[in-house]
Amino acid sequence: MMMTLGFFVFSRLTVPYQTSQHDMVWRHPTNSRVGARPSAQFLGVGDETLTLSGVLMPEITGGELSLEALRKMADTGKAYPLIEGRGTVTGFFVIEKISKGRSEFFSDGAARKIEFTIELKRVDEKNTSLIANENLIGMGISKLVRGIL
């Protein structure tokens, strides 16, 4: 297992990503001053995003069905817990965007190669209605998470 998003497992047999880009932002707005450099004020953390990219070869790895499962998760608008393969709980993320490109086709038009990019955004909302609780029941931590948030 490389990573899980809710109950969706990223692995070599489903959606094995080849690159992972994790971006974190901290907010420091500035005010202009006459004769001096602008002053900055730290307002806290900003957006945190995770971009996963890779290539699927449906004969070897997952294919359209794996990406379709992620699309259906995105359609719910819910946030899912993201857990790395080493066990680190990264936070709750929503699926913001899924891009896919197809090439090297079989005679019936099915793609032999599917390139994909999945963009996730951390939400960790205090509003627990955005959290997909059905994904937490199996882990037995839904009450714990509600207590923390």
C-alpha atoms as a PDB file:
ATOM      1  CA  MET A   1       0.000   0.000   0.000  1.00  0.00           C
ATOM      2  CA  MET A   2       1.370   3.378  -1.009  1.00  0.00           C
ATOM      3  CA  MET A   3      -1.378   5.541   0.496  1.00  0.00           C
ATOM      4  CA  THR A   4      -5.108   5.513   1.262  1.00  0.00           C
ATOM      5  CA  LEU A   5      -7.729   8.181   0.698  1.00  0.00           C
ATOM      6  CA  GLY A   6     -10.731   7.037   2.690  1.00  0.00           C
ATOM      7  CA  PHE A   7     -11.089   3.377   1.765  1.00  0.00           C
ATOM      8  CA  PHE A   8      -9.465   3.862  -1.664  1.00  0.00           C
ATOM      9  CA  VAL A   9      -6.038   2.245  -1.595  1.00  0.00           C
ATOM     10  CA  PHE A  10      -3.301   3.579  -3.862  1.00  0.00           C
ATOM     11  CA  SER A  11      -1.164   0.562  -4.720  1.00  0.00           C
ATOM     12  CA  ARG A  12       0.646  -0.957  -7.673  1.00  0.00           C
ATOM     13  CA  LEU A  13      -2.560  -2.770  -8.659  1.00  0.00           C
ATOM     14  CA  THR A  14      -4.939   0.216  -8.473  1.00  0.00           C
ATOM     15  CA  VAL A  15      -3.505   3.691  -9.094  1.00  0.00           C
ATOM     16  CA  PRO A  16       0.273   3.620  -8.604  1.00  0.00           C
ATOM     17  CA  TYR A  17       1.395   7.234  -8.728  1.00  0.00           C
ATOM     18  CA  GLN A  18       4.954   7.927  -9.844  1.00  0.00           C
ATOM     19  CA  THR A  19       5.242  11.483  -8.525  1.00  0.00           C
ATOM     20  CA  SER A  20       3.853  13.205  -5.458  1.00  0.00           C
ATOM     21  CA  GLN A  21       4.032  16.993  -5.037  1.00  0.00           C
ATOM     22  CA  HIS A  22       3.069  18.328  -1.590  1.00  0.00           C
ATOM     23  CA  ASP A  23       2.642  22.124  -1.380  1.00  0.00           C
ATOM     24  CA  MET A  24       2.084  24.066   1.847  1.00  0.00           C
ATOM     25  CA  VAL A  25       1.540  27.827   2.094  1.00  0.00           C
ATOM     26  CA  TRP A  26       1.800  30.252   5.021  1.00  0.00           C
ATOM     27  CA  ARG A  27       0.092  33.630   4.798  1.00  0.00           C
ATOM     28  CA  HIS A  28       2.184  36.801   5.239  1.00  0.00           C
ATOM     29  CA  PRO A  29       0.319  39.841   3.851  1.00  0.00           C
ATOM     30  CA  THR A  30       2.291  43.084   3.645  1.00  0.00           C
ATOM     31  CA  ASN A  31       1.523  46.761   4.157  1.00  0.00           C
ATOM     32  CA  SER A  32       3.414  49.402   2.216  1.00  0.00           C
ATOM     33  CA  ARG A  33       5.365  51.999   4.193  1.00  0.00           C
ATOM     34  CA  VAL A  34       6.910  55.256   3.045  1.00  0.00           C
ATOM     35  CA  GLY A  35      10.707  55.141   3.036  1.00  0.00           C
ATOM     36  CA  ALA A  36      10.888  51.577   4.368  1.00  0.00           C
ATOM     37  CA  ARG A  37      10.322  48.059   3.274  1.00  0.00           C
ATOM     38  CA  PRO A  38       6.755  46.769   3.528  1.00  0.00           C
ATOM     39  CA  SER A  39       5.845  45.305   6.909  1.00  0.00           C
ATOM     40  CA  ALA A  40       4.571  41.737   6.993  1.00  0.00           C
ATOM     41  CA  GLN A  41       2.151  40.077   9.368  1.00  0.00           C
ATOM     42  CA  PHE A  42       1.880  36.318   9.835  1.00  0.00           C
ATOM     43  CA  LEU A  43      -1.765  35.224   9.604  1.00  0.00           C
ATOM     44  CA  GLY A  44      -1.295  31.465   9.828  1.00  0.00           C
ATOM     45  CA  VAL A  45      -1.349  28.528   7.499  1.00  0.00           C
ATOM     46  CA  GLY A  46      -2.821  28.765   4.034  1.00  0.00           C
ATOM     47  CA  ASP A  47      -3.681  26.126   1.472  1.00  0.00           C
ATOM     48  CA  GLU A  48      -2.127  22.683   1.538  1.00  0.00           C
ATOM     49  CA  THR A  49      -2.337  20.641  -1.649  1.00  0.00           C
ATOM     50  CA  LEU A  50      -1.131  17.251  -2.790  1.00  0.00           C
ATOM     51  CA  THR A  51      -0.746  16.396  -6.472  1.00  0.00           C
ATOM     52  CA  LEU A  52      -0.315  12.775  -7.513  1.00  0.00           C
ATOM     53  CA  SER A  53       0.719  11.950 -11.087  1.00  0.00           C
ATOM     54  CA  GLY A  54       1.451   8.732 -12.866  1.00  0.00           C
ATOM     55  CA  VAL A  55       0.845   6.359 -15.728  1.00  0.00           C
ATOM     56  CA  LEU A  56      -1.538   3.408 -15.715  1.00  0.00           C
ATOM     57  CA  MET A  57      -1.054   0.411 -17.956  1.00  0.00           C
ATOM     58  CA  PRO A  58      -4.420  -1.394 -17.641  1.00  0.00           C
ATOM     59  CA  GLU A  59      -2.835  -4.734 -18.556  1.00  0.00           C
ATOM     60  CA  ILE A  60      -0.582  -4.474 -15.472  1.00  0.00           C
ATOM     61  CA  THR A  61      -2.015  -1.823 -13.123  1.00  0.00           C
ATOM     62  CA  GLY A  62      -5.447  -0.440 -12.446  1.00  0.00           C
ATOM     63  CA  GLY A  63      -7.222   1.381 -15.222  1.00  0.00           C
ATOM     64  CA  GLU A  64     -10.422   3.263 -15.938  1.00  0.00           C
ATOM     65  CA  LEU A  65     -12.337   1.598 -13.078  1.00  0.00           C
ATOM     66  CA  SER A  66      -9.834   2.781 -10.477  1.00  0.00           C
ATOM     67  CA  LEU A  67     -10.026   6.364 -11.734  1.00  0.00           C
ATOM     68  CA  GLU A  68     -13.825   6.083 -11.907  1.00  0.00           C
ATOM     69  CA  ALA A  69     -13.915   5.125  -8.214  1.00  0.00           C
ATOM     70  CA  LEU A  70     -11.955   8.283  -7.398  1.00  0.00           C
ATOM     71  CA  ARG A  71     -14.294  10.348  -9.580  1.00  0.00           C
ATOM     72  CA  LYS A  72     -17.309   9.035  -7.670  1.00  0.00           C
ATOM     73  CA  MET A  73     -15.603   9.956  -4.408  1.00  0.00           C
ATOM     74  CA  ALA A  74     -14.995  13.471  -5.782  1.00  0.00           C
ATOM     75  CA  ASP A  75     -18.677  13.733  -6.772  1.00  0.00           C
ATOM     76  CA  THR A  76     -19.698  13.435  -3.108  1.00  0.00           C
ATOM     77  CA  GLY A  77     -17.820  16.627  -2.201  1.00  0.00           C
ATOM     78  CA  LYS A  78     -16.743  14.961   1.036  1.00  0.00           C
ATOM     79  CA  ALA A  79     -13.354  15.072   2.732  1.00  0.00           C
ATOM     80  CA  TYR A  80     -11.532  11.788   3.227  1.00  0.00           C
ATOM     81  CA  PRO A  81      -8.673  10.911   5.586  1.00  0.00           C
ATOM     82  CA  LEU A  82      -5.341  10.630   3.794  1.00  0.00           C
ATOM     83  CA  ILE A  83      -3.015   8.058   5.332  1.00  0.00           C
ATOM     84  CA  GLU A  84       0.460   7.374   3.981  1.00  0.00           C
ATOM     85  CA  GLY A  85       1.756   3.836   3.577  1.00  0.00           C
ATOM     86  CA  ARG A  86       4.009   4.287   6.625  1.00  0.00           C
ATOM     87  CA  GLY A  87       0.927   5.032   8.754  1.00  0.00           C
ATOM     88  CA  THR A  88       1.189   8.834   8.936  1.00  0.00           C
ATOM     89  CA  VAL A  89      -2.259  10.469   8.998  1.00  0.00           C
ATOM     90  CA  THR A  90      -1.831  13.555   6.813  1.00  0.00           C
ATOM     91  CA  GLY A  91      -5.283  15.084   7.363  1.00  0.00           C
ATOM     92  CA  PHE A  92      -8.626  15.292   5.594  1.00  0.00           C
ATOM     93  CA  PHE A  93      -8.551  16.044   1.875  1.00  0.00           C
ATOM     94  CA  VAL A  94     -11.092  16.682  -0.871  1.00  0.00           C
ATOM     95  CA  ILE A  95     -10.494  15.699  -4.475  1.00  0.00           C
ATOM     96  CA  GLU A  96     -10.358  18.966  -6.416  1.00  0.00           C
ATOM     97  CA  LYS A  97      -9.385  17.720  -9.859  1.00  0.00           C
ATOM     98  CA  ILE A  98      -8.709  14.544 -11.826  1.00  0.00           C
ATOM     99  CA  SER A  99      -7.031  14.808 -15.225  1.00  0.00           C
ATOM    100  CA  LYS A 100      -6.390  11.875 -17.505  1.00  0.00           C
ATOM    101  CA  GLY A 101      -4.956  11.383 -20.951  1.00  0.00           C
ATOM    102  CA  ARG A 102      -5.102   8.250 -23.069  1.00  0.00           C
ATOM    103  CA  SER A 103      -2.656   6.958 -25.667  1.00  0.00           C
ATOM    104  CA  GLU A 104      -1.410   3.785 -27.366  1.00  0.00           C
ATOM    105  CA  PHE A 105      -4.789   2.260 -28.152  1.00  0.00           C
ATOM    106  CA  PHE A 106      -5.976  -1.303 -28.726  1.00  0.00           C
ATOM    107  CA  SER A 107      -7.938  -2.024 -31.922  1.00  0.00           C
ATOM    108  CA  ASP A 108     -11.231  -1.598 -30.008  1.00  0.00           C
ATOM    109  CA  GLY A 109     -10.247   1.920 -28.888  1.00  0.00           C
ATOM    110  CA  ALA A 110      -9.346   1.033 -25.293  1.00  0.00           C
ATOM    111  CA  ALA A 111      -6.215   2.782 -24.063  1.00  0.00           C
ATOM    112  CA  ARG A 112      -3.081   0.811 -23.290  1.00  0.00           C
ATOM    113  CA  LYS A 113      -1.629   3.814 -21.494  1.00  0.00           C
ATOM    114  CA  ILE A 114      -3.501   6.254 -19.225  1.00  0.00           C
ATOM    115  CA  GLU A 115      -1.665   9.256 -17.794  1.00  0.00           C
ATOM    116  CA  PHE A 116      -3.337  10.851 -14.777  1.00  0.00           C
ATOM    117  CA  THR A 117      -3.027  13.705 -12.319  1.00  0.00           C
ATOM    118  CA  ILE A 118      -5.075  13.915  -9.126  1.00  0.00           C
ATOM    119  CA  GLU A 119      -5.200  17.158  -7.140  1.00  0.00           C
ATOM    120  CA  LEU A 120      -6.162  16.971  -3.468  1.00  0.00           C
ATOM    121  CA  LYS A 121      -6.747  19.899  -1.102  1.00  0.00           C
ATOM    122  CA  ARG A 122      -6.583  19.692   2.679  1.00  0.00           C
ATOM    123  CA  VAL A 123      -9.694  20.934   4.426  1.00  0.00           C
ATOM    124  CA  ASP A 124      -9.712  19.660   8.046  1.00  0.00           C
ATOM    125  CA  GLU A 125     -12.992  21.496   8.510  1.00  0.00           C
ATOM    126  CA  LYS A 126     -14.520  22.196  11.889  1.00  0.00           C
ATOM    127  CA  ASN A 127     -17.770  21.491  10.032  1.00  0.00           C
ATOM    128  CA  THR A 128     -17.808  17.708  10.361  1.00  0.00           C
ATOM    129  CA  SER A 129     -20.640  17.401   7.825  1.00  0.00           C
ATOM    130  CA  LEU A 130     -17.977  17.592   5.095  1.00  0.00           C
ATOM    131  CA  ILE A 131     -16.209  14.528   6.443  1.00  0.00           C
ATOM    132  CA  ALA A 132     -17.126  11.214   4.863  1.00  0.00           C
ATOM    133  CA  ASN A 133     -18.024   9.360   8.059  1.00  0.00           C
ATOM    134  CA  GLU A 134     -18.686   6.101   6.249  1.00  0.00           C
ATOM    135  CA  ASN A 135     -14.944   5.923   5.689  1.00  0.00           C
ATOM    136  CA  LEU A 136     -14.185   6.327   9.374  1.00  0.00           C
ATOM    137  CA  ILE A 137     -16.592   3.721  10.726  1.00  0.00           C
ATOM    138  CA  GLY A 138     -14.383   0.846   9.615  1.00  0.00           C
ATOM    139  CA  MET A 139     -11.439   2.428  11.396  1.00  0.00           C
ATOM    140  CA  GLY A 140     -13.469   3.011  14.572  1.00  0.00           C
ATOM    141  CA  ILE A 141     -12.327   6.615  14.923  1.00  0.00           C
ATOM    142  CA  SER A 142     -15.346   8.655  13.824  1.00  0.00           C
ATOM    143  CA  LYS A 143     -16.204   9.605  17.439  1.00  0.00           C
ATOM    144  CA  LEU A 144     -12.579  10.425  18.149  1.00  0.00           C
ATOM    145  CA  VAL A 145     -12.370  12.706  15.097  1.00  0.00           C
ATOM    146  CA  ARG A 146     -15.592  14.499  16.020  1.00  0.00           C
ATOM    147  CA  GLY A 147     -14.150  15.062  19.501  1.00  0.00           C
ATOM    148  CA  ILE A 148     -10.978  16.573  18.060  1.00  0.00           C
ATOM    149  CA  LEU A 149     -12.692  18.739  15.464  1.00  0.00           C
END
